[in-house]
Amino acid sequence: MYENSKEREHLERLADLYSIIKATDLLEAAYSRDAITPAEYTDACNRLISQFKATEKGLTLSKTIANADHFFQEYQIDCPRAYERLVVSGVFSSIIYFRKKLKLYKSCFLVAFRCPSDRNAPNI
């Protein structure tokens, strides 16, 4: 499998990245089935995202991989939930939900308290 310690370390780092991806995909599946609490999900997902970013950074700096997209494609990793969470959004789903709600509340607030002289306010 490997002939020296450098090759072994290289393979271990790739395996670390793969295991983070698989764990994230399983975590996302468990959360969507309501098998874990939001608090458990947030804690685990936050940890996995941090580990993913650190591991990916190390692999890209050492020129082992070009980026996470390249890793997913080169090794034909079929983990769409993990790809969405780790590569596309980079934050756990409750943050995305919170941001959407905040945007909606902000829009409602602007409509409710719009001054007639405010030309930049949405015209609803």
PDB file of N, CA and C in Angstrom:
ATOM      1  N   MET A   1       0.822  -1.183   0.000  1.00  0.00           N
ATOM      2  CA  MET A   1       0.000   0.000   0.000  1.00  0.00           C
ATOM      3  C   MET A   1       0.879   1.265   0.000  1.00  0.00           C
ATOM      4  N   TYR A   2       1.896   1.285   0.841  1.00  0.00           N
ATOM      5  CA  TYR A   2       2.814   2.416   0.846  1.00  0.00           C
ATOM      6  C   TYR A   2       4.219   1.900   1.127  1.00  0.00           C
ATOM      7  N   GLU A   3       5.200   2.663   0.658  1.00  0.00           N
ATOM      8  CA  GLU A   3       6.581   2.211   0.780  1.00  0.00           C
ATOM      9  C   GLU A   3       7.380   2.990   1.806  1.00  0.00           C
ATOM     10  N   ASN A   4       6.892   4.171   2.190  1.00  0.00           N
ATOM     11  CA  ASN A   4       7.608   4.948   3.198  1.00  0.00           C
ATOM     12  C   ASN A   4       6.618   5.754   4.038  1.00  0.00           C
ATOM     13  N   SER A   5       7.136   6.431   5.033  1.00  0.00           N
ATOM     14  CA  SER A   5       6.256   7.145   5.961  1.00  0.00           C
ATOM     15  C   SER A   5       5.547   8.329   5.299  1.00  0.00           C
ATOM     16  N   LYS A   6       6.175   8.928   4.298  1.00  0.00           N
ATOM     17  CA  LYS A   6       5.538  10.045   3.600  1.00  0.00           C
ATOM     18  C   LYS A   6       4.299   9.566   2.832  1.00  0.00           C
ATOM     19  N   GLU A   7       4.414   8.447   2.145  1.00  0.00           N
ATOM     20  CA  GLU A   7       3.270   7.882   1.427  1.00  0.00           C
ATOM     21  C   GLU A   7       2.164   7.467   2.399  1.00  0.00           C
ATOM     22  N   ARG A   8       2.572   6.888   3.540  1.00  0.00           N
ATOM     23  CA  ARG A   8       1.592   6.490   4.540  1.00  0.00           C
ATOM     24  C   ARG A   8       0.833   7.701   5.073  1.00  0.00           C
ATOM     25  N   GLU A   9       1.543   8.778   5.379  1.00  0.00           N
ATOM     26  CA  GLU A   9       0.912  10.009   5.869  1.00  0.00           C
ATOM     27  C   GLU A   9      -0.036  10.588   4.823  1.00  0.00           C
ATOM     28  N   HIS A  10       0.376  10.555   3.569  1.00  0.00           N
ATOM     29  CA  HIS A  10      -0.447  11.032   2.461  1.00  0.00           C
ATOM     30  C   HIS A  10      -1.776  10.272   2.414  1.00  0.00           C
ATOM     31  N   LEU A  11      -1.702   8.945   2.482  1.00  0.00           N
ATOM     32  CA  LEU A  11      -2.911   8.126   2.440  1.00  0.00           C
ATOM     33  C   LEU A  11      -3.773   8.327   3.682  1.00  0.00           C
ATOM     34  N   GLU A  12      -3.152   8.526   4.832  1.00  0.00           N
ATOM     35  CA  GLU A  12      -3.916   8.755   6.057  1.00  0.00           C
ATOM     36  C   GLU A  12      -4.689  10.071   5.992  1.00  0.00           C
ATOM     37  N   ARG A  13      -4.081  11.094   5.426  1.00  0.00           N
ATOM     38  CA  ARG A  13      -4.786  12.382   5.299  1.00  0.00           C
ATOM     39  C   ARG A  13      -5.957  12.282   4.331  1.00  0.00           C
ATOM     40  N   LEU A  14      -5.780  11.559   3.237  1.00  0.00           N
ATOM     41  CA  LEU A  14      -6.889  11.341   2.312  1.00  0.00           C
ATOM     42  C   LEU A  14      -8.004  10.534   2.988  1.00  0.00           C
ATOM     43  N   ALA A  15      -7.625   9.538   3.766  1.00  0.00           N
ATOM     44  CA  ALA A  15      -8.606   8.726   4.491  1.00  0.00           C
ATOM     45  C   ALA A  15      -9.343   9.573   5.525  1.00  0.00           C
ATOM     46  N   ASP A  16      -8.631  10.483   6.184  1.00  0.00           N
ATOM     47  CA  ASP A  16      -9.272  11.383   7.147  1.00  0.00           C
ATOM     48  C   ASP A  16     -10.348  12.224   6.463  1.00  0.00           C
ATOM     49  N   LEU A  17     -10.009  12.792   5.308  1.00  0.00           N
ATOM     50  CA  LEU A  17     -10.970  13.622   4.591  1.00  0.00           C
ATOM     51  C   LEU A  17     -12.185  12.785   4.167  1.00  0.00           C
ATOM     52  N   TYR A  18     -11.932  11.591   3.677  1.00  0.00           N
ATOM     53  CA  TYR A  18     -13.029  10.712   3.265  1.00  0.00           C
ATOM     54  C   TYR A  18     -13.921  10.354   4.455  1.00  0.00           C
ATOM     55  N   SER A  19     -13.327  10.063   5.597  1.00  0.00           N
ATOM     56  CA  SER A  19     -14.136   9.686   6.765  1.00  0.00           C
ATOM     57  C   SER A  19     -14.970  10.862   7.271  1.00  0.00           C
ATOM     58  N   ILE A  20     -14.457  12.070   7.184  1.00  0.00           N
ATOM     59  CA  ILE A  20     -15.229  13.260   7.561  1.00  0.00           C
ATOM     60  C   ILE A  20     -16.429  13.417   6.630  1.00  0.00           C
ATOM     61  N   ILE A  21     -16.201  13.201   5.349  1.00  0.00           N
ATOM     62  CA  ILE A  21     -17.288  13.304   4.362  1.00  0.00           C
ATOM     63  C   ILE A  21     -18.360  12.260   4.642  1.00  0.00           C
ATOM     64  N   LYS A  22     -17.967  11.007   4.858  1.00  0.00           N
ATOM     65  CA  LYS A  22     -18.935   9.938   5.128  1.00  0.00           C
ATOM     66  C   LYS A  22     -19.698  10.205   6.430  1.00  0.00           C
ATOM     67  N   ALA A  23     -18.999  10.650   7.455  1.00  0.00           N
ATOM     68  CA  ALA A  23     -19.657  10.945   8.736  1.00  0.00           C
ATOM     69  C   ALA A  23     -20.669  12.073   8.577  1.00  0.00           C
ATOM     70  N   THR A  24     -20.319  13.085   7.798  1.00  0.00           N
ATOM     71  CA  THR A  24     -21.235  14.202   7.560  1.00  0.00           C
ATOM     72  C   THR A  24     -22.469  13.738   6.804  1.00  0.00           C
ATOM     73  N   ASP A  25     -22.283  12.899   5.819  1.00  0.00           N
ATOM     74  CA  ASP A  25     -23.422  12.390   5.054  1.00  0.00           C
ATOM     75  C   ASP A  25     -24.373  11.591   5.952  1.00  0.00           C
ATOM     76  N   LEU A  26     -23.826  10.764   6.825  1.00  0.00           N
ATOM     77  CA  LEU A  26     -24.649   9.990   7.747  1.00  0.00           C
ATOM     78  C   LEU A  26     -25.330  10.894   8.777  1.00  0.00           C
ATOM     79  N   LEU A  27     -24.635  11.914   9.233  1.00  0.00           N
ATOM     80  CA  LEU A  27     -25.218  12.867  10.184  1.00  0.00           C
ATOM     81  C   LEU A  27     -26.393  13.600   9.554  1.00  0.00           C
ATOM     82  N   GLU A  28     -26.235  14.042   8.321  1.00  0.00           N
ATOM     83  CA  GLU A  28     -27.315  14.740   7.615  1.00  0.00           C
ATOM     84  C   GLU A  28     -28.528  13.824   7.442  1.00  0.00           C
ATOM     85  N   ALA A  29     -28.286  12.557   7.137  1.00  0.00           N
ATOM     86  CA  ALA A  29     -29.382  11.603   6.984  1.00  0.00           C
ATOM     87  C   ALA A  29     -30.102  11.398   8.313  1.00  0.00           C
ATOM     88  N   ALA A  30     -29.353  11.268   9.388  1.00  0.00           N
ATOM     89  CA  ALA A  30     -29.955  11.086  10.711  1.00  0.00           C
ATOM     90  C   ALA A  30     -30.768  12.309  11.119  1.00  0.00           C
ATOM     91  N   TYR A  31     -30.254  13.486  10.825  1.00  0.00           N
ATOM     92  CA  TYR A  31     -30.968  14.712  11.180  1.00  0.00           C
ATOM     93  C   TYR A  31     -32.256  14.860  10.366  1.00  0.00           C
ATOM     94  N   SER A  32     -32.210  14.505   9.100  1.00  0.00           N
ATOM     95  CA  SER A  32     -33.411  14.626   8.267  1.00  0.00           C
ATOM     96  C   SER A  32     -34.479  13.619   8.674  1.00  0.00           C
ATOM     97  N   ARG A  33     -34.075  12.501   9.287  1.00  0.00           N
ATOM     98  CA  ARG A  33     -35.037  11.504   9.778  1.00  0.00           C
ATOM     99  C   ARG A  33     -35.470  11.810  11.210  1.00  0.00           C
ATOM    100  N   ASP A  34     -34.966  12.888  11.782  1.00  0.00           N
ATOM    101  CA  ASP A  34     -35.283  13.280  13.155  1.00  0.00           C
ATOM    102  C   ASP A  34     -34.763  12.263  14.167  1.00  0.00           C
ATOM    103  N   ALA A  35     -33.666  11.594  13.825  1.00  0.00           N
ATOM    104  CA  ALA A  35     -33.082  10.583  14.702  1.00  0.00           C
ATOM    105  C   ALA A  35     -32.171  11.194  15.765  1.00  0.00           C
ATOM    106  N   ILE A  36     -31.784  12.458  15.588  1.00  0.00           N
ATOM    107  CA  ILE A  36     -30.966  13.158  16.582  1.00  0.00           C
ATOM    108  C   ILE A  36     -31.595  14.527  16.838  1.00  0.00           C
ATOM    109  N   THR A  37     -31.276  15.082  17.984  1.00  0.00           N
ATOM    110  CA  THR A  37     -31.835  16.386  18.342  1.00  0.00           C
ATOM    111  C   THR A  37     -31.110  17.490  17.594  1.00  0.00           C
ATOM    112  N   PRO A  38     -31.739  18.645  17.460  1.00  0.00           N
ATOM    113  CA  PRO A  38     -31.050  19.773  16.823  1.00  0.00           C
ATOM    114  C   PRO A  38     -29.748  20.157  17.531  1.00  0.00           C
ATOM    115  N   ALA A  39     -29.721  20.048  18.841  1.00  0.00           N
ATOM    116  CA  ALA A  39     -28.495  20.380  19.584  1.00  0.00           C
ATOM    117  C   ALA A  39     -27.371  19.396  19.261  1.00  0.00           C
ATOM    118  N   GLU A  40     -27.701  18.105  19.214  1.00  0.00           N
ATOM    119  CA  GLU A  40     -26.703  17.096  18.858  1.00  0.00           C
ATOM    120  C   GLU A  40     -26.212  17.320  17.432  1.00  0.00           C
ATOM    121  N   TYR A  41     -27.143  17.607  16.543  1.00  0.00           N
ATOM    122  CA  TYR A  41     -26.787  17.856  15.141  1.00  0.00           C
ATOM    123  C   TYR A  41     -25.849  19.059  15.021  1.00  0.00           C
ATOM    124  N   THR A  42     -26.219  20.148  15.663  1.00  0.00           N
ATOM    125  CA  THR A  42     -25.427  21.381  15.568  1.00  0.00           C
ATOM    126  C   THR A  42     -24.015  21.158  16.081  1.00  0.00           C
ATOM    127  N   ASP A  43     -23.895  20.496  17.227  1.00  0.00           N
ATOM    128  CA  ASP A  43     -22.579  20.237  17.809  1.00  0.00           C
ATOM    129  C   ASP A  43     -21.722  19.365  16.892  1.00  0.00           C
ATOM    130  N   ALA A  44     -22.296  18.250  16.441  1.00  0.00           N
ATOM    131  CA  ALA A  44     -21.543  17.329  15.590  1.00  0.00           C
ATOM    132  C   ALA A  44     -21.217  17.947  14.235  1.00  0.00           C
ATOM    133  N   CYS A  45     -22.173  18.643  13.658  1.00  0.00           N
ATOM    134  CA  CYS A  45     -21.964  19.228  12.333  1.00  0.00           C
ATOM    135  C   CYS A  45     -20.914  20.331  12.384  1.00  0.00           C
ATOM    136  N   ASN A  46     -20.974  21.145  13.412  1.00  0.00           N
ATOM    137  CA  ASN A  46     -19.986  22.216  13.569  1.00  0.00           C
ATOM    138  C   ASN A  46     -18.576  21.629  13.681  1.00  0.00           C
ATOM    139  N   ARG A  47     -18.447  20.547  14.434  1.00  0.00           N
ATOM    140  CA  ARG A  47     -17.150  19.891  14.593  1.00  0.00           C
ATOM    141  C   ARG A  47     -16.669  19.313  13.257  1.00  0.00           C
ATOM    142  N   LEU A  48     -17.567  18.643  12.522  1.00  0.00           N
ATOM    143  CA  LEU A  48     -17.196  18.047  11.237  1.00  0.00           C
ATOM    144  C   LEU A  48     -16.816  19.107  10.207  1.00  0.00           C
ATOM    145  N   ILE A  49     -17.535  20.225  10.190  1.00  0.00           N
ATOM    146  CA  ILE A  49     -17.200  21.304   9.250  1.00  0.00           C
ATOM    147  C   ILE A  49     -15.815  21.848   9.558  1.00  0.00           C
ATOM    148  N   SER A  50     -15.512  22.048  10.840  1.00  0.00           N
ATOM    149  CA  SER A  50     -14.190  22.544  11.231  1.00  0.00           C
ATOM    150  C   SER A  50     -13.094  21.557  10.833  1.00  0.00           C
ATOM    151  N   GLN A  51     -13.334  20.274  11.099  1.00  0.00           N
ATOM    152  CA  GLN A  51     -12.359  19.250  10.736  1.00  0.00           C
ATOM    153  C   GLN A  51     -12.167  19.188   9.220  1.00  0.00           C
ATOM    154  N   PHE A  52     -13.258  19.300   8.492  1.00  0.00           N
ATOM    155  CA  PHE A  52     -13.190  19.260   7.033  1.00  0.00           C
ATOM    156  C   PHE A  52     -12.354  20.420   6.501  1.00  0.00           C
ATOM    157  N   LYS A  53     -12.633  21.622   6.989  1.00  0.00           N
ATOM    158  CA  LYS A  53     -11.896  22.801   6.503  1.00  0.00           C
ATOM    159  C   LYS A  53     -10.409  22.685   6.804  1.00  0.00           C
ATOM    160  N   ALA A  54     -10.069  22.222   8.013  1.00  0.00           N
ATOM    161  CA  ALA A  54      -8.657  22.092   8.383  1.00  0.00           C
ATOM    162  C   ALA A  54      -7.970  21.014   7.552  1.00  0.00           C
ATOM    163  N   THR A  55      -8.631  19.889   7.370  1.00  0.00           N
ATOM    164  CA  THR A  55      -8.045  18.785   6.602  1.00  0.00           C
ATOM    165  C   THR A  55      -7.909  19.163   5.134  1.00  0.00           C
ATOM    166  N   GLU A  56      -8.946  19.774   4.576  1.00  0.00           N
ATOM    167  CA  GLU A  56      -8.888  20.202   3.176  1.00  0.00           C
ATOM    168  C   GLU A  56      -7.762  21.218   2.977  1.00  0.00           C
ATOM    169  N   LYS A  57      -7.637  22.152   3.903  1.00  0.00           N
ATOM    170  CA  LYS A  57      -6.589  23.181   3.802  1.00  0.00           C
ATOM    171  C   LYS A  57      -5.202  22.537   3.787  1.00  0.00           C
ATOM    172  N   GLY A  58      -4.999  21.575   4.682  1.00  0.00           N
ATOM    173  CA  GLY A  58      -3.716  20.883   4.718  1.00  0.00           C
ATOM    174  C   GLY A  58      -3.417  20.133   3.433  1.00  0.00           C
ATOM    175  N   LEU A  59      -4.418  19.486   2.895  1.00  0.00           N
ATOM    176  CA  LEU A  59      -4.228  18.725   1.649  1.00  0.00           C
ATOM    177  C   LEU A  59      -4.018  19.638   0.444  1.00  0.00           C
ATOM    178  N   THR A  60      -4.686  20.778   0.419  1.00  0.00           N
ATOM    179  CA  THR A  60      -4.489  21.689  -0.713  1.00  0.00           C
ATOM    180  C   THR A  60      -3.144  22.408  -0.608  1.00  0.00           C
ATOM    181  N   LEU A  61      -2.732  22.758   0.598  1.00  0.00           N
ATOM    182  CA  LEU A  61      -1.428  23.407   0.756  1.00  0.00           C
ATOM    183  C   LEU A  61      -0.276  22.475   0.383  1.00  0.00           C
ATOM    184  N   SER A  62      -0.449  21.189   0.672  1.00  0.00           N
ATOM    185  CA  SER A  62       0.589  20.222   0.317  1.00  0.00           C
ATOM    186  C   SER A  62       0.470  19.759  -1.133  1.00  0.00           C
ATOM    187  N   LYS A  63      -0.512  20.330  -1.847  1.00  0.00           N
ATOM    188  CA  LYS A  63      -0.774  20.013  -3.253  1.00  0.00           C
ATOM    189  C   LYS A  63      -1.143  18.540  -3.473  1.00  0.00           C
ATOM    190  N   THR A  64      -1.724  17.935  -2.428  1.00  0.00           N
ATOM    191  CA  THR A  64      -2.207  16.568  -2.550  1.00  0.00           C
ATOM    192  C   THR A  64      -3.488  16.544  -3.356  1.00  0.00           C
ATOM    193  N   ILE A  65      -4.359  17.538  -3.117  1.00  0.00           N
ATOM    194  CA  ILE A  65      -5.580  17.706  -3.897  1.00  0.00           C
ATOM    195  C   ILE A  65      -5.672  19.161  -4.327  1.00  0.00           C
ATOM    196  N   ALA A  66      -6.387  19.419  -5.401  1.00  0.00           N
ATOM    197  CA  ALA A  66      -6.573  20.799  -5.857  1.00  0.00           C
ATOM    198  C   ALA A  66      -7.587  21.514  -4.973  1.00  0.00           C
ATOM    199  N   ASN A  67      -8.700  20.833  -4.698  1.00  0.00           N
ATOM    200  CA  ASN A  67      -9.756  21.357  -3.829  1.00  0.00           C
ATOM    201  C   ASN A  67     -10.721  20.220  -3.508  1.00  0.00           C
ATOM    202  N   ALA A  68     -11.743  20.519  -2.712  1.00  0.00           N
ATOM    203  CA  ALA A  68     -12.698  19.483  -2.310  1.00  0.00           C
ATOM    204  C   ALA A  68     -13.477  18.951  -3.514  1.00  0.00           C
ATOM    205  N   ASP A  69     -13.849  19.837  -4.443  1.00  0.00           N
ATOM    206  CA  ASP A  69     -14.544  19.387  -5.654  1.00  0.00           C
ATOM    207  C   ASP A  69     -13.739  18.317  -6.383  1.00  0.00           C
ATOM    208  N   HIS A  70     -12.478  18.594  -6.539  1.00  0.00           N
ATOM    209  CA  HIS A  70     -11.576  17.657  -7.216  1.00  0.00           C
ATOM    210  C   HIS A  70     -11.543  16.320  -6.479  1.00  0.00           C
ATOM    211  N   PHE A  71     -11.490  16.362  -5.153  1.00  0.00           N
ATOM    212  CA  PHE A  71     -11.463  15.141  -4.351  1.00  0.00           C
ATOM    213  C   PHE A  71     -12.740  14.324  -4.559  1.00  0.00           C
ATOM    214  N   PHE A  72     -13.890  14.991  -4.503  1.00  0.00           N
ATOM    215  CA  PHE A  72     -15.167  14.305  -4.727  1.00  0.00           C
ATOM    216  C   PHE A  72     -15.200  13.651  -6.106  1.00  0.00           C
ATOM    217  N   GLN A  73     -14.728  14.362  -7.121  1.00  0.00           N
ATOM    218  CA  GLN A  73     -14.765  13.831  -8.485  1.00  0.00           C
ATOM    219  C   GLN A  73     -13.736  12.732  -8.711  1.00  0.00           C
ATOM    220  N   GLU A  74     -12.513  12.970  -8.258  1.00  0.00           N
ATOM    221  CA  GLU A  74     -11.440  12.008  -8.509  1.00  0.00           C
ATOM    222  C   GLU A  74     -11.728  10.648  -7.880  1.00  0.00           C
ATOM    223  N   TYR A  75     -12.282  10.664  -6.672  1.00  0.00           N
ATOM    224  CA  TYR A  75     -12.551   9.409  -5.973  1.00  0.00           C
ATOM    225  C   TYR A  75     -14.016   8.982  -6.085  1.00  0.00           C
ATOM    226  N   GLN A  76     -14.771   9.656  -6.952  1.00  0.00           N
ATOM    227  CA  GLN A  76     -16.171   9.318  -7.237  1.00  0.00           C
ATOM    228  C   GLN A  76     -16.980   9.125  -5.951  1.00  0.00           C
ATOM    229  N   ILE A  77     -16.913  10.127  -5.093  1.00  0.00           N
ATOM    230  CA  ILE A  77     -17.610  10.069  -3.808  1.00  0.00           C
ATOM    231  C   ILE A  77     -19.055  10.498  -4.008  1.00  0.00           C
ATOM    232  N   ASP A  78     -19.956   9.600  -3.684  1.00  0.00           N
ATOM    233  CA  ASP A  78     -21.385   9.853  -3.854  1.00  0.00           C
ATOM    234  C   ASP A  78     -22.016  10.127  -2.487  1.00  0.00           C
ATOM    235  N   CYS A  79     -21.797  11.319  -1.989  1.00  0.00           N
ATOM    236  CA  CYS A  79     -22.354  11.752  -0.708  1.00  0.00           C
ATOM    237  C   CYS A  79     -22.946  13.143  -0.902  1.00  0.00           C
ATOM    238  N   PRO A  80     -24.115  13.232  -1.547  1.00  0.00           N
ATOM    239  CA  PRO A  80     -24.664  14.541  -1.898  1.00  0.00           C
ATOM    240  C   PRO A  80     -24.984  15.434  -0.700  1.00  0.00           C
ATOM    241  N   ARG A  81     -25.432  14.833   0.402  1.00  0.00           N
ATOM    242  CA  ARG A  81     -25.735  15.651   1.583  1.00  0.00           C
ATOM    243  C   ARG A  81     -24.464  16.249   2.165  1.00  0.00           C
ATOM    244  N   ALA A  82     -23.407  15.459   2.206  1.00  0.00           N
ATOM    245  CA  ALA A  82     -22.130  15.952   2.718  1.00  0.00           C
ATOM    246  C   ALA A  82     -21.549  17.009   1.781  1.00  0.00           C
ATOM    247  N   TYR A  83     -21.668  16.793   0.488  1.00  0.00           N
ATOM    248  CA  TYR A  83     -21.167  17.776  -0.482  1.00  0.00           C
ATOM    249  C   TYR A  83     -21.864  19.119  -0.285  1.00  0.00           C
ATOM    250  N   GLU A  84     -23.173  19.074  -0.149  1.00  0.00           N
ATOM    251  CA  GLU A  84     -23.948  20.307   0.061  1.00  0.00           C
ATOM    252  C   GLU A  84     -23.521  21.002   1.350  1.00  0.00           C
ATOM    253  N   ARG A  85     -23.379  20.247   2.420  1.00  0.00           N
ATOM    254  CA  ARG A  85     -23.050  20.834   3.713  1.00  0.00           C
ATOM    255  C   ARG A  85     -21.617  21.334   3.784  1.00  0.00           C
ATOM    256  N   LEU A  86     -20.676  20.541   3.294  1.00  0.00           N
ATOM    257  CA  LEU A  86     -19.258  20.870   3.462  1.00  0.00           C
ATOM    258  C   LEU A  86     -18.709  21.778   2.373  1.00  0.00           C
ATOM    259  N   VAL A  87     -19.102  21.563   1.141  1.00  0.00           N
ATOM    260  CA  VAL A  87     -18.505  22.290   0.021  1.00  0.00           C
ATOM    261  C   VAL A  87     -19.364  23.483  -0.399  1.00  0.00           C
ATOM    262  N   VAL A  88     -20.667  23.263  -0.552  1.00  0.00           N
ATOM    263  CA  VAL A  88     -21.533  24.316  -1.072  1.00  0.00           C
ATOM    264  C   VAL A  88     -21.861  25.356  -0.009  1.00  0.00           C
ATOM    265  N   SER A  89     -22.465  24.931   1.096  1.00  0.00           N
ATOM    266  CA  SER A  89     -22.905  25.920   2.092  1.00  0.00           C
ATOM    267  C   SER A  89     -21.830  26.209   3.134  1.00  0.00           C
ATOM    268  N   GLY A  90     -21.173  25.191   3.639  1.00  0.00           N
ATOM    269  CA  GLY A  90     -20.131  25.395   4.633  1.00  0.00           C
ATOM    270  C   GLY A  90     -20.630  25.700   6.031  1.00  0.00           C
ATOM    271  N   VAL A  91     -21.941  25.688   6.229  1.00  0.00           N
ATOM    272  CA  VAL A  91     -22.519  25.895   7.559  1.00  0.00           C
ATOM    273  C   VAL A  91     -23.612  24.860   7.780  1.00  0.00           C
ATOM    274  N   PHE A  92     -23.940  24.601   9.043  1.00  0.00           N
ATOM    275  CA  PHE A  92     -24.968  23.604   9.326  1.00  0.00           C
ATOM    276  C   PHE A  92     -26.343  24.150   9.005  1.00  0.00           C
ATOM    277  N   SER A  93     -27.296  23.251   8.778  1.00  0.00           N
ATOM    278  CA  SER A  93     -28.591  23.633   8.206  1.00  0.00           C
ATOM    279  C   SER A  93     -29.409  24.551   9.086  1.00  0.00           C
ATOM    280  N   SER A  94     -29.265  24.487  10.404  1.00  0.00           N
ATOM    281  CA  SER A  94     -30.050  25.385  11.252  1.00  0.00           C
ATOM    282  C   SER A  94     -29.624  26.836  11.057  1.00  0.00           C
ATOM    283  N   ILE A  95     -28.380  27.079  10.697  1.00  0.00           N
ATOM    284  CA  ILE A  95     -27.928  28.445  10.384  1.00  0.00           C
ATOM    285  C   ILE A  95     -28.589  28.925   9.100  1.00  0.00           C
ATOM    286  N   ILE A  96     -28.658  28.054   8.098  1.00  0.00           N
ATOM    287  CA  ILE A  96     -29.298  28.430   6.835  1.00  0.00           C
ATOM    288  C   ILE A  96     -30.763  28.752   7.080  1.00  0.00           C
ATOM    289  N   TYR A  97     -31.435  27.927   7.871  1.00  0.00           N
ATOM    290  CA  TYR A  97     -32.834  28.155   8.209  1.00  0.00           C
ATOM    291  C   TYR A  97     -32.989  29.485   8.938  1.00  0.00           C
ATOM    292  N   PHE A  98     -32.096  29.761   9.891  1.00  0.00           N
ATOM    293  CA  PHE A  98     -32.142  31.014  10.652  1.00  0.00           C
ATOM    294  C   PHE A  98     -31.948  32.214   9.729  1.00  0.00           C
ATOM    295  N   ARG A  99     -31.011  32.121   8.796  1.00  0.00           N
ATOM    296  CA  ARG A  99     -30.766  33.237   7.876  1.00  0.00           C
ATOM    297  C   ARG A  99     -31.989  33.523   7.001  1.00  0.00           C
ATOM    298  N   LYS A 100     -32.659  32.470   6.540  1.00  0.00           N
ATOM    299  CA  LYS A 100     -33.863  32.656   5.720  1.00  0.00           C
ATOM    300  C   LYS A 100     -34.962  33.312   6.542  1.00  0.00           C
ATOM    301  N   LYS A 101     -35.135  32.867   7.780  1.00  0.00           N
ATOM    302  CA  LYS A 101     -36.152  33.454   8.653  1.00  0.00           C
ATOM    303  C   LYS A 101     -35.827  34.920   8.936  1.00  0.00           C
ATOM    304  N   LEU A 102     -34.561  35.210   9.193  1.00  0.00           N
ATOM    305  CA  LEU A 102     -34.149  36.580   9.476  1.00  0.00           C
ATOM    306  C   LEU A 102     -34.435  37.488   8.285  1.00  0.00           C
ATOM    307  N   LYS A 103     -34.158  37.004   7.094  1.00  0.00           N
ATOM    308  CA  LYS A 103     -34.424  37.782   5.881  1.00  0.00           C
ATOM    309  C   LYS A 103     -35.923  38.044   5.730  1.00  0.00           C
ATOM    310  N   LEU A 104     -36.741  37.024   6.006  1.00  0.00           N
ATOM    311  CA  LEU A 104     -38.187  37.172   5.935  1.00  0.00           C
ATOM    312  C   LEU A 104     -38.675  38.182   6.969  1.00  0.00           C
ATOM    313  N   TYR A 105     -38.189  38.081   8.203  1.00  0.00           N
ATOM    314  CA  TYR A 105     -38.600  39.005   9.262  1.00  0.00           C
ATOM    315  C   TYR A 105     -38.173  40.434   8.935  1.00  0.00           C
ATOM    316  N   LYS A 106     -36.989  40.575   8.363  1.00  0.00           N
ATOM    317  CA  LYS A 106     -36.512  41.906   7.995  1.00  0.00           C
ATOM    318  C   LYS A 106     -37.424  42.519   6.931  1.00  0.00           C
ATOM    319  N   SER A 107     -37.827  41.727   5.953  1.00  0.00           N
ATOM    320  CA  SER A 107     -38.735  42.208   4.909  1.00  0.00           C
ATOM    321  C   SER A 107     -40.071  42.625   5.499  1.00  0.00           C
ATOM    322  N   CYS A 108     -40.597  41.802   6.397  1.00  0.00           N
ATOM    323  CA  CYS A 108     -41.877  42.135   7.037  1.00  0.00           C
ATOM    324  C   CYS A 108     -41.756  43.404   7.860  1.00  0.00           C
ATOM    325  N   PHE A 109     -40.649  43.565   8.563  1.00  0.00           N
ATOM    326  CA  PHE A 109     -40.428  44.759   9.369  1.00  0.00           C
ATOM    327  C   PHE A 109     -40.384  46.006   8.489  1.00  0.00           C
ATOM    328  N   LEU A 110     -39.664  45.922   7.378  1.00  0.00           N
ATOM    329  CA  LEU A 110     -39.550  47.072   6.477  1.00  0.00           C
ATOM    330  C   LEU A 110     -40.905  47.465   5.902  1.00  0.00           C
ATOM    331  N   VAL A 111     -41.716  46.476   5.567  1.00  0.00           N
ATOM    332  CA  VAL A 111     -43.036  46.758   5.015  1.00  0.00           C
ATOM    333  C   VAL A 111     -43.933  47.372   6.091  1.00  0.00           C
ATOM    334  N   ALA A 112     -43.874  46.826   7.283  1.00  0.00           N
ATOM    335  CA  ALA A 112     -44.759  47.294   8.357  1.00  0.00           C
ATOM    336  C   ALA A 112     -44.410  48.704   8.826  1.00  0.00           C
ATOM    337  N   PHE A 113     -43.147  49.050   8.827  1.00  0.00           N
ATOM    338  CA  PHE A 113     -42.733  50.339   9.377  1.00  0.00           C
ATOM    339  C   PHE A 113     -42.153  51.283   8.334  1.00  0.00           C
ATOM    340  N   ARG A 114     -42.587  51.150   7.112  1.00  0.00           N
ATOM    341  CA  ARG A 114     -42.075  51.979   6.029  1.00  0.00           C
ATOM    342  C   ARG A 114     -42.647  53.386   6.141  1.00  0.00           C
ATOM    343  N   CYS A 115     -41.778  54.339   6.014  1.00  0.00           N
ATOM    344  CA  CYS A 115     -42.210  55.734   6.007  1.00  0.00           C
ATOM    345  C   CYS A 115     -42.627  56.103   4.581  1.00  0.00           C
ATOM    346  N   PRO A 116     -43.649  56.931   4.424  1.00  0.00           N
ATOM    347  CA  PRO A 116     -44.067  57.322   3.070  1.00  0.00           C
ATOM    348  C   PRO A 116     -42.951  58.003   2.283  1.00  0.00           C
ATOM    349  N   SER A 117     -42.046  58.656   2.978  1.00  0.00           N
ATOM    350  CA  SER A 117     -40.976  59.359   2.274  1.00  0.00           C
ATOM    351  C   SER A 117     -39.792  58.464   1.925  1.00  0.00           C
ATOM    352  N   ASP A 118     -39.822  57.230   2.362  1.00  0.00           N
ATOM    353  CA  ASP A 118     -38.719  56.305   2.096  1.00  0.00           C
ATOM    354  C   ASP A 118     -38.832  55.761   0.674  1.00  0.00           C
ATOM    355  N   ARG A 119     -37.994  56.238  -0.209  1.00  0.00           N
ATOM    356  CA  ARG A 119     -38.072  55.860  -1.626  1.00  0.00           C
ATOM    357  C   ARG A 119     -37.435  54.505  -1.908  1.00  0.00           C
ATOM    358  N   ASN A 120     -36.574  54.053  -0.992  1.00  0.00           N
ATOM    359  CA  ASN A 120     -35.888  52.776  -1.202  1.00  0.00           C
ATOM    360  C   ASN A 120     -36.658  51.587  -0.648  1.00  0.00           C
ATOM    361  N   ALA A 121     -37.736  51.829   0.072  1.00  0.00           N
ATOM    362  CA  ALA A 121     -38.492  50.747   0.671  1.00  0.00           C
ATOM    363  C   ALA A 121     -39.269  49.984  -0.401  1.00  0.00           C
ATOM    364  N   PRO A 122     -39.470  48.694  -0.171  1.00  0.00           N
ATOM    365  CA  PRO A 122     -40.240  47.914  -1.148  1.00  0.00           C
ATOM    366  C   PRO A 122     -41.665  48.436  -1.242  1.00  0.00           C
ATOM    367  N   ASN A 123     -42.199  48.460  -2.412  1.00  0.00           N
ATOM    368  CA  ASN A 123     -43.538  48.983  -2.649  1.00  0.00           C
ATOM    369  C   ASN A 123     -44.512  47.815  -2.755  1.00  0.00           C
ATOM    370  N   ILE A 124     -45.140  47.476  -1.624  1.00  0.00           N
ATOM    371  CA  ILE A 124     -46.045  46.321  -1.618  1.00  0.00           C
ATOM    372  C   ILE A 124     -47.454  46.798  -1.366  1.00  0.00           C
TER     373      ILE A 124
END
